[in-house]
Protein backbone atom coordinates (compact mmCIF):
# COMPACT_ATOMS: atom_id res chain seq x y z
CA MET A 1 75.38 112.66 86.18
CA PRO A 2 74.65 110.88 89.50
CA TYR A 3 75.05 113.43 92.27
CA PHE A 4 76.62 111.89 95.37
CA ASP A 5 77.53 115.04 97.34
CA ALA A 6 74.38 115.76 99.33
CA ALA A 7 76.37 116.43 102.50
CA SER A 8 77.75 119.54 100.80
CA THR A 9 74.41 120.66 99.44
CA ALA A 10 71.28 118.69 98.59
CA PRO A 11 69.37 119.15 95.33
CA LEU A 12 66.37 121.46 95.68
CA HIS A 13 63.41 119.43 96.91
CA PRO A 14 60.32 119.59 94.63
CA VAL A 15 58.25 120.94 97.52
CA ALA A 16 60.83 123.70 98.04
CA ARG A 17 60.63 124.64 94.38
CA GLN A 18 56.84 124.84 94.46
CA ALA A 19 56.77 126.81 97.70
CA LEU A 20 59.46 129.21 96.49
CA THR A 21 57.61 129.94 93.24
CA ALA A 22 54.37 130.66 95.08
CA ALA A 23 56.04 132.76 97.78
CA LEU A 24 57.83 134.92 95.23
CA ASP A 25 54.41 136.24 94.23
CA GLU A 26 52.85 136.36 97.70
CA GLY A 27 55.70 137.06 100.09
CA TRP A 28 57.90 139.67 98.43
CA ALA A 29 56.92 142.60 100.65
CA ASP A 30 58.41 143.78 103.95
CA PRO A 31 56.86 141.63 106.71
CA ALA A 32 57.37 144.49 109.21
CA ARG A 33 54.89 146.75 107.36
CA LEU A 34 51.19 147.03 108.13
CA TYR A 35 49.78 147.36 104.62
CA ARG A 36 48.20 144.37 102.92
CA ASP A 37 51.24 143.01 101.09
CA GLY A 38 53.33 143.39 104.24
CA ARG A 39 50.73 141.58 106.34
CA ARG A 40 50.60 138.77 103.79
CA ALA A 41 54.39 138.39 103.90
CA ARG A 42 54.25 138.40 107.71
CA MET A 43 51.66 135.62 107.72
CA LEU A 44 53.87 133.50 105.45
CA LEU A 45 56.91 134.17 107.64
CA ASP A 46 55.05 133.29 110.83
CA ALA A 47 53.71 130.08 109.29
CA ALA A 48 57.21 129.09 108.18
CA ARG A 49 58.54 129.77 111.67
CA GLU A 50 55.83 127.56 113.20
CA THR A 51 56.65 124.75 110.79
CA ALA A 52 60.40 124.88 111.39
CA ALA A 53 59.90 125.06 115.15
CA GLU A 54 57.63 122.01 115.15
CA VAL A 55 60.10 119.87 113.20
CA LEU A 56 63.09 121.01 115.26
CA GLY A 57 61.38 120.59 118.62
CA ALA A 58 61.33 124.27 119.54
CA ARG A 59 58.84 127.04 120.18
CA ALA A 60 58.15 129.46 117.35
CA ASP A 61 59.42 132.41 119.36
CA GLU A 62 62.73 130.58 119.90
CA VAL A 63 63.42 130.31 116.16
CA SER A 64 65.20 132.94 114.06
CA PHE A 65 66.15 132.70 110.39
CA THR A 66 69.68 133.57 109.31
CA ALA A 67 71.42 134.05 105.97
CA SER A 68 73.18 130.66 106.17
CA GLY A 69 74.03 127.74 108.40
CA THR A 70 77.47 129.23 108.95
CA GLN A 71 75.92 132.47 110.19
CA ALA A 72 73.59 130.53 112.47
CA VAL A 73 76.51 128.66 114.06
CA GLN A 74 78.69 131.71 114.49
CA LEU A 75 75.91 133.94 115.84
CA GLY A 76 74.93 131.13 118.19
CA VAL A 77 78.47 130.67 119.54
CA LEU A 78 79.39 134.32 119.87
CA GLY A 79 75.94 135.36 121.13
CA ALA A 80 75.87 132.68 123.82
CA LEU A 81 79.40 133.59 124.93
CA ALA A 82 78.43 137.25 125.13
CA GLY A 83 75.27 136.44 127.04
CA ASN A 84 77.14 134.29 129.55
CA ARG A 85 80.23 136.47 130.00
CA ARG A 86 79.53 136.83 133.72
CA THR A 87 79.75 133.04 134.04
CA GLY A 88 83.16 132.98 132.42
CA ARG A 89 85.01 133.01 129.12
CA HIS A 90 85.63 129.30 128.76
CA LEU A 91 84.38 127.59 125.56
CA VAL A 92 84.33 123.82 125.02
CA HIS A 93 83.89 122.08 121.66
CA SER A 94 84.73 118.76 120.03
CA ALA A 95 87.75 118.37 117.77
CA VAL A 96 85.56 117.52 114.76
CA GLU A 97 83.19 120.48 114.67
CA HIS A 98 82.49 122.25 111.39
CA SER A 99 85.02 124.90 110.38
CA SER A 100 82.40 127.62 110.90
CA LEU A 101 82.39 126.84 114.62
CA LEU A 102 86.17 126.53 114.80
CA HIS A 103 86.53 129.98 113.25
CA ALA A 104 84.16 131.43 115.85
CA ALA A 105 86.27 129.76 118.55
CA GLU A 106 89.38 131.38 117.07
CA VAL A 107 87.73 134.81 117.30
CA HIS A 108 86.87 134.12 120.93
CA ALA A 109 90.42 133.01 121.72
CA ALA A 110 91.89 136.05 119.95
CA ALA A 111 89.74 138.26 122.17
CA GLY A 112 91.21 136.68 125.30
CA GLY A 113 88.80 133.81 125.79
CA GLU A 114 89.82 130.27 126.68
CA VAL A 115 88.99 127.31 124.44
CA THR A 116 89.16 123.59 125.26
CA GLU A 117 88.98 121.04 122.45
CA VAL A 118 87.61 117.59 123.31
CA PRO A 119 89.22 114.72 121.34
CA VAL A 120 87.37 111.95 119.53
CA ASP A 121 88.07 108.26 119.07
CA ARG A 122 89.15 106.61 115.82
CA LEU A 123 85.49 106.44 114.71
CA GLY A 124 85.13 110.19 115.13
CA ARG A 125 82.89 109.96 118.19
CA VAL A 126 83.11 112.08 121.32
CA ASP A 127 83.01 110.44 124.73
CA ALA A 128 80.31 112.48 126.49
CA SER A 129 81.75 111.68 129.91
CA ARG A 130 85.11 113.01 128.79
CA LEU A 131 83.45 116.21 127.59
CA ALA A 132 81.87 116.55 131.03
CA THR A 133 85.27 116.38 132.74
CA VAL A 134 86.45 119.60 131.09
CA LEU A 135 83.33 121.61 131.99
CA ARG A 136 83.79 124.19 134.72
CA PRO A 137 80.53 124.74 136.59
CA ALA A 138 80.34 128.32 137.80
CA ALA A 139 78.96 127.06 141.11
CA GLU A 140 82.28 125.31 141.73
CA HIS A 141 84.77 127.59 140.01
CA GLY A 142 83.17 130.92 140.82
CA ALA A 143 81.60 133.64 138.70
CA GLY A 144 83.81 134.67 135.81
CA ARG A 145 85.72 131.38 135.82
CA GLY A 146 83.11 128.96 134.60
CA THR A 147 82.35 127.42 131.21
CA ALA A 148 80.13 129.78 129.25
CA LEU A 149 79.23 127.37 126.41
CA ALA A 150 79.77 123.81 125.19
CA CYS A 151 79.31 122.85 121.52
CA LEU A 152 78.69 119.47 119.92
CA GLN A 153 77.53 118.66 116.40
CA SER A 154 74.67 116.21 115.96
CA ALA A 155 76.55 114.28 113.28
CA ASN A 156 79.86 114.77 111.53
CA HIS A 157 79.87 116.39 108.11
CA GLU A 158 82.86 114.44 106.76
CA VAL A 159 82.44 110.88 108.03
CA GLY A 160 78.79 110.75 109.17
CA THR A 161 79.41 109.67 112.77
CA VAL A 162 76.44 110.52 115.02
CA GLN A 163 77.42 112.15 118.30
CA PRO A 164 75.94 111.36 121.75
CA VAL A 165 74.10 114.68 121.98
CA ALA A 166 71.37 113.59 124.40
CA GLU A 167 73.93 112.21 126.86
CA ALA A 168 76.11 115.30 126.53
CA ALA A 169 73.09 117.54 127.06
CA GLU A 170 72.26 115.83 130.35
CA LEU A 171 75.82 116.26 131.59
CA CYS A 172 75.93 119.90 130.50
CA ALA A 173 72.60 120.60 132.20
CA ALA A 174 73.89 119.06 135.42
CA ALA A 175 76.88 121.39 135.26
CA GLY A 176 74.75 124.41 134.43
CA VAL A 177 76.45 124.87 131.05
CA PRO A 178 74.41 125.69 127.91
CA LEU A 179 74.93 123.35 124.95
CA LEU A 180 74.93 124.48 121.33
CA VAL A 181 74.15 121.73 118.83
CA ASP A 182 75.10 122.12 115.18
CA ALA A 183 72.41 120.00 113.50
CA ALA A 184 73.26 120.97 109.92
CA GLN A 185 73.89 117.41 108.72
CA SER A 186 71.02 115.70 110.53
CA ALA A 187 68.13 118.18 110.54
CA GLY A 188 65.29 116.78 108.46
CA ARG A 189 66.91 113.35 108.18
CA LEU A 190 66.97 112.35 111.86
CA PRO A 191 64.94 113.41 114.89
CA VAL A 192 66.55 116.33 116.69
CA PRO A 193 67.90 115.11 120.07
CA GLY A 194 66.54 116.93 123.08
CA GLY A 195 68.34 118.86 125.77
CA TRP A 196 69.99 121.49 123.61
CA SER A 197 70.15 125.15 124.63
CA LEU A 198 70.94 126.53 121.17
CA LEU A 199 70.48 124.82 117.82
CA ALA A 200 71.83 125.70 114.36
CA ALA A 201 70.77 124.24 111.02
CA SER A 202 71.13 124.94 107.29
CA ALA A 203 68.30 124.68 104.74
CA HIS A 204 70.34 123.66 101.70
CA LYS A 205 71.50 120.53 103.54
CA TRP A 206 67.94 119.13 103.60
CA GLY A 207 66.86 120.26 100.13
CA GLY A 208 65.78 123.82 100.86
CA PRO A 209 67.22 126.83 99.06
CA ALA A 210 70.71 128.08 99.83
CA GLY A 211 70.92 131.25 101.87
CA VAL A 212 68.65 130.19 104.74
CA GLY A 213 69.86 129.06 108.15
CA VAL A 214 68.07 128.48 111.43
CA LEU A 215 69.17 129.61 114.87
CA ALA A 216 67.02 128.47 117.79
CA VAL A 217 67.66 129.79 121.30
CA ARG A 218 65.71 128.24 124.19
CA LYS A 219 63.74 130.50 126.45
CA GLY A 220 65.81 131.29 129.53
CA VAL A 221 69.18 130.84 127.77
CA ARG A 222 71.27 133.97 128.07
CA TYR A 223 72.00 135.42 124.65
CA ALA A 224 73.37 138.79 123.53
CA SER A 225 73.82 139.52 119.84
CA PRO A 226 77.49 140.05 118.99
CA LEU A 227 76.41 142.40 116.18
CA PRO A 228 74.95 145.92 116.26
CA ALA A 229 71.31 146.09 117.31
CA ASP A 230 68.59 145.32 114.76
CA GLU A 231 64.90 144.96 115.46
CA ARG A 232 64.36 142.02 113.09
CA GLU A 233 64.37 138.35 114.09
CA ARG A 234 64.14 139.19 117.80
CA GLY A 235 67.35 141.14 117.64
CA ARG A 236 69.43 138.05 116.91
CA VAL A 237 69.91 138.42 113.15
CA PRO A 238 70.25 141.73 111.36
CA GLY A 239 68.93 142.50 107.90
CA PHE A 240 65.90 141.98 105.70
CA VAL A 241 64.39 138.48 105.85
CA ASN A 242 64.17 136.58 102.56
CA VAL A 243 60.57 135.49 103.10
CA PRO A 244 60.16 133.39 99.90
CA ALA A 245 63.33 131.42 100.64
CA VAL A 246 62.34 130.93 104.28
CA VAL A 247 58.92 129.64 103.21
CA ALA A 248 60.54 127.17 100.81
CA ALA A 249 63.01 126.06 103.48
CA ALA A 250 60.28 125.35 106.02
CA ALA A 251 58.07 123.54 103.51
CA SER A 252 60.91 121.28 102.38
CA LEU A 253 61.99 120.60 105.99
CA ARG A 254 58.53 119.31 106.79
CA ALA A 255 58.43 117.27 103.57
CA VAL A 256 61.80 115.54 104.05
CA ARG A 257 61.02 114.80 107.68
CA GLN A 258 57.80 113.08 106.64
CA GLU A 259 59.69 111.04 104.05
CA ALA A 260 62.71 110.34 106.23
CA GLU A 261 61.77 107.04 107.86
CA ALA A 262 61.28 105.14 104.61
CA GLU A 263 64.00 106.96 102.68
CA ASN A 264 66.58 106.57 105.46
CA ALA A 265 66.11 102.81 105.49
CA ARG A 266 66.63 102.65 101.72
CA LEU A 267 69.71 104.90 101.73
CA HIS A 268 71.14 103.11 104.75
CA ALA A 269 71.07 99.83 102.81
CA LEU A 270 72.79 101.43 99.81
CA VAL A 271 75.49 102.95 101.99
CA GLU A 272 75.99 99.62 103.76
CA ARG A 273 76.57 98.07 100.34
CA ILE A 274 79.25 100.66 99.56
CA ARG A 275 80.90 100.20 102.96
CA ALA A 276 81.11 96.44 102.46
CA ARG A 277 82.11 96.27 98.80
CA VAL A 278 84.64 99.08 98.37
CA PRO A 279 87.33 97.25 100.44
CA GLN A 280 86.60 94.10 98.43
CA LEU A 281 86.89 95.87 95.09
CA VAL A 282 89.82 98.20 95.77
CA PRO A 283 93.01 97.15 97.58
CA ASP A 284 94.50 99.30 100.33
CA VAL A 285 91.32 101.14 101.31
CA GLU A 286 90.19 102.20 104.78
CA VAL A 287 86.50 102.93 105.42
CA VAL A 288 86.27 105.52 108.18
CA GLY A 289 83.58 106.67 110.61
CA ASP A 290 81.28 104.77 112.93
CA PRO A 291 79.80 101.75 111.10
CA VAL A 292 76.67 101.69 113.28
CA ARG A 293 75.97 105.11 114.81
CA ARG A 294 76.08 107.09 111.60
CA LEU A 295 74.02 109.14 109.19
CA PRO A 296 72.06 106.93 106.79
CA HIS A 297 73.36 108.57 103.61
CA VAL A 298 77.10 109.18 104.19
CA VAL A 299 80.10 106.88 103.70
CA THR A 300 83.74 107.93 103.61
CA PHE A 301 86.79 105.92 102.61
CA SER A 302 90.47 106.67 102.05
CA CYS A 303 92.64 105.10 99.36
CA LEU A 304 96.34 104.61 99.89
CA TYR A 305 98.75 106.06 97.30
CA VAL A 306 96.09 108.30 95.76
CA ASP A 307 95.86 112.06 95.39
CA GLY A 308 92.28 112.88 96.41
CA GLU A 309 91.87 115.67 93.88
CA VAL A 310 93.07 113.49 91.00
CA LEU A 311 90.73 110.67 92.03
CA LEU A 312 87.77 113.05 92.20
CA THR A 313 88.62 114.22 88.69
CA GLU A 314 88.66 110.62 87.45
CA LEU A 315 85.27 109.96 89.04
CA ASP A 316 83.92 113.17 87.54
CA ARG A 317 85.01 111.98 84.10
CA ALA A 318 83.16 108.75 84.79
CA GLY A 319 80.03 110.76 85.59
CA PHE A 320 79.99 110.88 89.41
CA ALA A 321 79.98 113.94 91.64
CA VAL A 322 81.59 113.12 95.00
CA SER A 323 83.68 115.14 97.45
CA SER A 324 86.85 114.76 99.45
CA GLY A 325 88.14 115.89 102.82
CA SER A 326 91.72 114.94 102.01
CA SER A 327 94.56 117.37 102.48
CA CYS A 328 95.28 117.28 98.77
CA THR A 329 92.03 119.03 97.91
CA SER A 330 92.63 121.86 100.37
CA SER A 331 93.96 125.18 99.15
CA THR A 332 96.23 125.22 102.19
CA LEU A 333 97.55 121.67 101.68
CA THR A 334 96.80 120.88 105.30
CA PRO A 335 95.07 117.67 106.38
CA SER A 336 91.35 117.59 107.13
CA HIS A 337 91.00 118.51 110.80
CA VAL A 338 88.35 115.81 111.18
CA LEU A 339 90.49 112.98 109.80
CA LYS A 340 93.46 114.33 111.73
CA ALA A 341 91.50 114.26 114.99
CA MET A 342 90.43 110.68 114.27
CA GLY A 343 93.98 109.57 113.51
CA VAL A 344 93.00 107.94 110.21
CA LEU A 345 94.42 108.11 106.71
CA THR A 346 93.96 111.57 105.18
CA GLU A 347 95.16 110.90 101.65
CA GLY A 348 92.86 109.81 98.81
CA ASN A 349 89.76 110.57 100.86
CA VAL A 350 86.36 110.16 99.16
CA ARG A 351 83.00 111.05 100.72
CA VAL A 352 79.88 109.64 99.11
CA SER A 353 76.69 111.26 100.40
CA LEU A 354 73.47 110.11 98.75
CA PRO A 355 70.61 112.54 98.16
CA PHE A 356 66.98 111.64 98.69
CA GLY A 357 65.90 109.54 95.72
CA ALA A 358 69.36 108.16 94.90
CA GLU A 359 69.03 105.17 92.59
CA GLU A 360 70.34 101.68 93.35
CA ALA A 361 71.52 101.37 89.73
CA ASP A 362 73.69 104.47 90.13
CA VAL A 363 75.30 103.03 93.26
CA GLU A 364 76.05 99.80 91.42
CA ARG A 365 77.58 101.72 88.53
CA PHE A 366 79.71 103.71 90.98
CA LEU A 367 81.02 100.46 92.47
CA ALA A 368 81.80 99.23 88.96
CA VAL A 369 83.65 102.42 88.00
CA LEU A 370 85.62 103.00 91.21
CA PRO A 371 88.25 100.21 90.89
CA ASP A 372 89.34 101.39 87.44
CA ALA A 373 89.38 105.02 88.58
CA VAL A 374 91.67 104.22 91.51
CA ALA A 375 93.86 101.98 89.36
CA ALA A 376 94.22 104.76 86.78
CA VAL A 377 95.48 107.15 89.45
CA ARG A 378 97.85 104.61 90.96
CA ALA A 379 99.27 103.31 87.63
CA PRO A 380 101.85 106.07 87.04
CA LEU A 381 103.23 105.66 90.54
CA GLY A 382 105.05 102.43 89.81
CA LEU A 383 103.72 100.55 92.80
CA ASP A 384 103.37 97.40 90.73
CA ALA A 385 107.09 97.44 89.91
CA PRO A 386 109.45 94.85 91.44
CA PRO A 387 110.44 95.57 95.05
CA PHE A 388 113.11 98.23 95.37
CA ALA A 389 116.64 96.87 95.67
CA PRO A 390 119.11 99.27 97.33
CA PRO A 391 122.46 99.76 95.64
CA ALA A 392 125.33 97.83 97.08
CA ALA A 393 127.19 99.89 99.66
CA PRO A 394 130.95 99.94 99.84
CA PRO A 395 132.28 98.06 102.84
CA VAL A 396 133.29 100.04 105.89
CA GLU A 397 136.93 99.17 106.41
CA SER A 398 137.23 100.42 109.96
CA PRO A 399 135.42 102.65 112.43
CA ALA A 400 138.08 105.32 111.86
CA ALA A 401 137.43 105.35 108.13
CA ALA A 402 133.69 105.49 108.46
CA PRO A 403 131.77 108.76 108.18
CA ALA A 404 130.28 110.41 111.22
CA ALA A 405 128.08 108.05 113.16
CA ALA A 406 124.31 108.25 112.90
CA ALA A 407 121.93 107.52 115.74
CA ASP A 408 119.82 104.40 115.68
CA PRO A 409 116.19 105.59 115.48
CA VAL A 410 114.92 103.07 118.00
CA THR A 411 117.66 102.78 120.61
CA GLY A 412 119.38 106.13 120.07
CA ALA A 413 122.76 104.36 120.08
CA PRO A 414 125.39 105.31 117.45
CA VAL A 415 125.56 103.07 114.39
CA PRO A 416 128.42 102.97 111.88
CA GLY A 417 127.95 104.32 108.38
CA ALA A 418 126.29 107.39 106.90
CA ALA A 419 122.67 107.65 105.84
CA VAL A 420 122.42 107.32 102.05
CA PRO A 421 119.06 108.61 100.71
CA GLY A 422 117.10 105.72 99.27
CA ALA A 423 119.55 103.08 100.43
CA ALA A 424 120.20 101.05 103.53
CA VAL A 425 122.83 102.50 105.82
CA PRO A 426 126.05 100.45 105.68
CA GLY A 427 126.49 98.47 108.83
CA SER A 428 122.93 99.07 109.95
CA ALA A 429 119.37 98.41 108.84
CA VAL A 430 118.38 102.04 108.34
CA MET A 431 117.20 103.45 105.00
CA VAL A 432 116.60 107.15 104.44
CA VAL A 433 113.89 108.16 101.98
CA ASP A 434 114.02 111.89 101.24
CA THR A 435 110.63 113.33 100.21
CA LEU A 436 111.29 116.89 101.38
CA GLY A 437 109.42 119.41 99.29
CA ARG A 438 106.98 116.79 98.00
CA ARG A 439 103.33 116.72 99.05
CA CYS A 440 100.81 114.01 99.78
CA PRO A 441 100.63 111.22 98.94
CA ILE A 442 104.27 111.05 97.78
CA PRO A 443 105.84 110.35 101.22
CA VAL A 444 103.65 107.27 101.72
CA ILE A 445 104.11 106.15 98.12
CA GLU A 446 107.88 106.32 98.43
CA LEU A 447 107.75 104.49 101.76
CA ALA A 448 105.71 101.69 100.20
CA LYS A 449 108.13 101.37 97.29
CA ARG A 450 111.26 101.39 99.43
CA ILE A 451 110.47 99.40 102.54
CA GLY A 452 111.19 96.13 100.75
CA GLY A 453 114.81 97.25 100.59
CA VAL A 454 115.40 96.72 104.30
CA PRO A 455 115.32 93.40 106.13
CA VAL A 456 112.61 92.50 108.58
CA GLY A 457 113.39 94.45 111.73
CA GLY A 458 115.12 97.17 109.71
CA THR A 459 114.05 100.81 109.74
CA VAL A 460 113.05 103.33 107.09
CA ALA A 461 113.37 107.02 107.93
CA VAL A 462 111.05 109.05 105.70
CA LEU A 463 112.05 112.71 105.56
CA SER A 464 109.09 115.02 104.96
CA ASP A 465 108.03 118.60 105.53
CA ASP A 466 104.38 117.91 104.68
CA GLU A 467 102.12 117.95 107.74
CA ALA A 468 99.97 115.17 106.25
CA ALA A 469 102.86 112.73 106.62
CA ARG A 470 102.56 112.93 110.41
CA LEU A 471 99.10 111.36 110.05
CA ASP A 472 99.35 109.23 106.95
CA ILE A 473 102.56 107.33 107.67
CA PRO A 474 101.28 105.92 111.01
CA ALA A 475 97.93 105.15 109.33
CA TRP A 476 99.75 103.31 106.53
CA CYS A 477 101.68 101.28 109.10
CA GLY A 478 98.43 100.24 110.76
CA MET A 479 96.94 99.16 107.44
CA ARG A 480 100.03 97.26 106.23
CA GLY A 481 101.23 95.59 109.43
CA GLU A 482 104.40 97.65 109.81
CA GLU A 483 105.56 99.30 113.05
CA TYR A 484 105.53 103.07 113.40
CA ALA A 485 108.48 103.95 115.66
CA GLY A 486 107.87 107.68 116.04
CA GLU A 487 109.64 110.71 114.65
CA ALA A 488 112.96 112.51 114.96
CA PRO A 489 114.55 115.66 113.55
CA ALA A 490 115.25 115.27 109.84
CA ALA A 491 118.70 116.77 110.39
CA ARG A 492 119.73 113.54 112.10
CA TYR A 493 119.34 111.80 108.74
CA GLY A 494 120.78 114.45 106.46
CA GLY A 495 117.71 116.63 105.95
CA ASP A 496 117.91 120.41 106.07
CA ARG A 497 114.33 120.79 107.38
CA GLY A 498 111.26 118.81 108.29
CA THR A 499 110.85 115.57 110.23
CA ALA A 500 112.07 112.00 109.95
CA TYR A 501 109.19 109.51 110.34
CA LEU A 502 110.53 106.13 111.44
CA VAL A 503 109.03 102.85 110.29
CA VAL A 504 110.26 99.40 111.32
CA ARG A 505 109.60 96.63 108.81
CA ARG A 506 107.62 93.79 110.35
CA SER A 507 106.03 92.16 107.32
CA GLY A 508 107.86 89.24 105.75
């Protein structure tokens, strides 16, 4: 089965496998002990630290190994905040950071800290100058009121957009604010941008073994472990170090970095092919993320009228392992925070992330399989049926005989007639489509099926209590040339809960 989910975890690199096997025999002992086996394990650990530091652009004594990339991020955030508490309790991060960082920010906020989230554009990219405007230099705001830490990922894990880390680092340095960079998706594949104060990475993203993360803290950066004291890993990370896994992680990091230039060019061309051909092969698809400043191996697209989980199952049956950031694959049924921040379609989201060595033939077969997979998911939805024709409404004999007036969604003025679910309102051009209690992508599907039942200039009010509708209905309007007119309480249109999303028909 072609594996196209390297952004989640990359297959174990052959060099990592070889190094792990050798280190299991040579590096099993406690590297803190002075007997022969301990000294041998310590030599292997020190060599691995030197290798990782060289690739990441750090000093060996700045590098600590953690139990995961998530632990590296969270220790980095909480440790830097603790170390800079005299500066202030203000934390800044982008809206598209990994959930591990967002959870650390939640802990900080729950403890009384202040958090500012910096928005991104529709491509998922942060404006570094905008980030700089929310920083609070302690020299200007006073001790205890400044920004203790800013955080910015090197590249986004869902859509592949590369962030302006070097520019942000310069602005943070000018403000005297340390910058933590989450380099989990780019480490090994791209050069690490300079200027960071703290850096986090994850070995299984570059083909090392799972269970190894890297936390680098620059000399001079204030850091205080948020955990009880432990003498290992310079007091930053508690617990026994998995020396064999660390050795394998460092060896594979060096190997993939050496291969990266040639392999990135090859994968970039394959991804460019997917970006160009998917919209040609599948109707109603939006490719998201920055088309230029992006990771070489990641492409993400969203398909209208498709449940992401069902589509992934279809592709799995066809022999392809891909992932999704759509709300429909989340246990909480909430939209992806990344896609939400970008303001793009969240339904039917597919992320293809190619591992090192991905074959051109497999990409071509994926492109051949995808249209039928999407069509199979869409077929039961009836979107190919004739346009919906609303039932004829009885004439309104007089204003006195008409039901209570409803408000026009655009002007707010009263209009005669009552809202009939699924039908145009008599005497007006308003149709109410009730999808309360139904999850993505049903609200958008019903909107697409019903909008033909109102004249051009008429309005459809989609009633929904699914948070994804707030994102997907405006995104659908942008893709289909309709006008999104905002939202109103669902009660205005007969709903007992939720929101009415208003769409004005503009297409002929």
